[in-house]
């Protein structure tokens, strides 16, 4: 498994509550992890990130770190600021939030 599973540049790809991604091995790995219950659905955390910061999701990554997984979601807020929110992929808990310069 690669240390970083780049999921998608979101560009507003929320469709019927699901986030779209190109069909590739990374997406297959994400589906396997979701089906096993190892990670929460990305769409759930994108919704949370957008509730915290009004704007649009522009990128999301699933990363394998220290024996676990985390989602890194970037939101372009209404003021034009890119905010990165980092979530524990297993629990969905927000771990860190930062502003990208």
Protein backbone atom coordinates (compact mmCIF):
# COMPACT_ATOMS: atom_id res chain seq x y z
CA UNK A 1 0.00 0.00 0.00
CA UNK A 2 1.26 3.48 -0.75
CA UNK A 3 1.80 5.85 2.18
CA UNK A 4 -0.53 8.39 0.62
CA UNK A 5 -3.74 7.55 -1.19
CA UNK A 6 -4.63 10.64 -3.21
CA UNK A 7 -8.35 10.40 -3.52
CA UNK A 8 -9.41 13.28 -5.69
CA UNK A 9 -9.42 16.93 -6.41
CA UNK A 10 -13.01 17.38 -5.31
CA UNK A 11 -13.96 20.43 -7.36
CA UNK A 12 -17.51 20.22 -6.16
CA UNK A 13 -17.94 16.50 -6.86
CA UNK A 14 -20.44 15.90 -4.09
CA UNK A 15 -23.22 14.08 -5.84
CA UNK A 16 -26.19 12.64 -3.96
CA UNK A 17 -24.22 12.67 -0.72
CA UNK A 18 -21.29 10.76 -2.18
CA UNK A 19 -17.88 12.00 -3.25
CA UNK A 20 -16.81 10.88 -6.68
CA UNK A 21 -13.31 9.71 -7.47
CA UNK A 22 -11.61 8.34 -10.53
CA UNK A 23 -11.59 4.55 -10.78
CA UNK A 24 -8.17 3.33 -9.79
CA UNK A 25 -6.41 1.17 -7.21
CA UNK A 26 -6.52 3.97 -4.63
CA UNK A 27 -10.31 4.17 -4.83
CA UNK A 28 -10.51 0.37 -4.59
CA UNK A 29 -8.38 0.45 -1.45
CA UNK A 30 -10.61 3.16 0.03
CA UNK A 31 -13.70 1.04 -0.69
CA UNK A 32 -12.09 -1.99 0.95
CA UNK A 33 -11.27 0.02 4.06
CA UNK A 34 -14.81 1.45 4.21
CA UNK A 35 -16.40 -1.97 3.72
CA UNK A 36 -14.30 -3.42 6.53
CA UNK A 37 -15.28 -0.56 8.85
CA UNK A 38 -11.69 0.62 9.17
CA UNK A 39 -12.56 4.16 7.98
CA UNK A 40 -15.64 6.38 7.92
CA UNK A 41 -17.05 7.61 4.58
CA UNK A 42 -15.20 10.58 3.14
CA UNK A 43 -18.49 12.33 2.28
CA UNK A 44 -19.37 12.46 5.99
CA UNK A 45 -16.19 14.34 6.79
CA UNK A 46 -16.39 16.63 3.77
CA UNK A 47 -19.86 17.62 5.02
CA UNK A 48 -18.43 18.31 8.48
CA UNK A 49 -15.56 20.37 7.05
CA UNK A 50 -17.98 22.45 4.96
CA UNK A 51 -20.19 23.05 8.00
CA UNK A 52 -17.17 24.34 9.90
CA UNK A 53 -16.07 26.59 7.00
CA UNK A 54 -18.57 27.68 4.37
CA UNK A 55 -16.97 27.14 1.00
CA UNK A 56 -16.10 24.34 -1.34
CA UNK A 57 -14.00 21.23 -0.92
CA UNK A 58 -11.10 21.35 -3.37
CA UNK A 59 -9.00 18.35 -2.38
CA UNK A 60 -9.02 15.32 -0.11
CA UNK A 61 -6.39 12.72 0.69
CA UNK A 62 -6.41 9.54 2.70
CA UNK A 63 -3.02 9.04 4.31
CA UNK A 64 -1.60 6.12 6.22
CA UNK A 65 0.29 7.41 9.26
CA UNK A 66 1.61 5.72 12.39
CA UNK A 67 -0.37 2.53 11.85
CA UNK A 68 -3.65 4.35 11.15
CA UNK A 69 -5.39 6.44 8.54
CA UNK A 70 -6.30 10.08 8.37
CA UNK A 71 -8.19 12.25 5.92
CA UNK A 72 -6.79 15.63 4.94
CA UNK A 73 -9.53 17.81 3.45
CA UNK A 74 -8.96 21.25 1.95
CA UNK A 75 -11.78 23.78 1.87
CA UNK A 76 -11.62 27.00 -0.13
CA UNK A 77 -13.70 29.28 2.09
CA UNK A 78 -15.85 32.20 1.01
CA UNK A 79 -13.01 34.64 1.78
CA UNK A 80 -10.66 32.78 -0.59
CA UNK A 81 -8.65 31.17 2.21
CA UNK A 82 -7.67 27.49 1.90
CA UNK A 83 -8.28 25.65 5.15
CA UNK A 84 -6.94 22.16 5.75
CA UNK A 85 -8.81 19.95 8.21
CA UNK A 86 -7.25 16.70 9.34
CA UNK A 87 -9.51 13.93 10.63
CA UNK A 88 -8.89 10.53 12.15
CA UNK A 89 -10.29 8.30 9.39
CA UNK A 90 -11.33 5.54 11.80
CA UNK A 91 -13.36 7.69 14.21
CA UNK A 92 -14.09 10.79 12.13
CA UNK A 93 -12.70 12.99 14.93
CA UNK A 94 -11.15 16.31 13.88
CA UNK A 95 -7.47 16.17 14.84
CA UNK A 96 -6.10 19.42 13.50
CA UNK A 97 -7.05 22.45 11.50
CA UNK A 98 -4.72 24.85 9.75
CA UNK A 99 -4.70 27.59 7.14
CA UNK A 100 -2.64 26.91 4.02
CA UNK A 101 -0.41 29.81 3.02
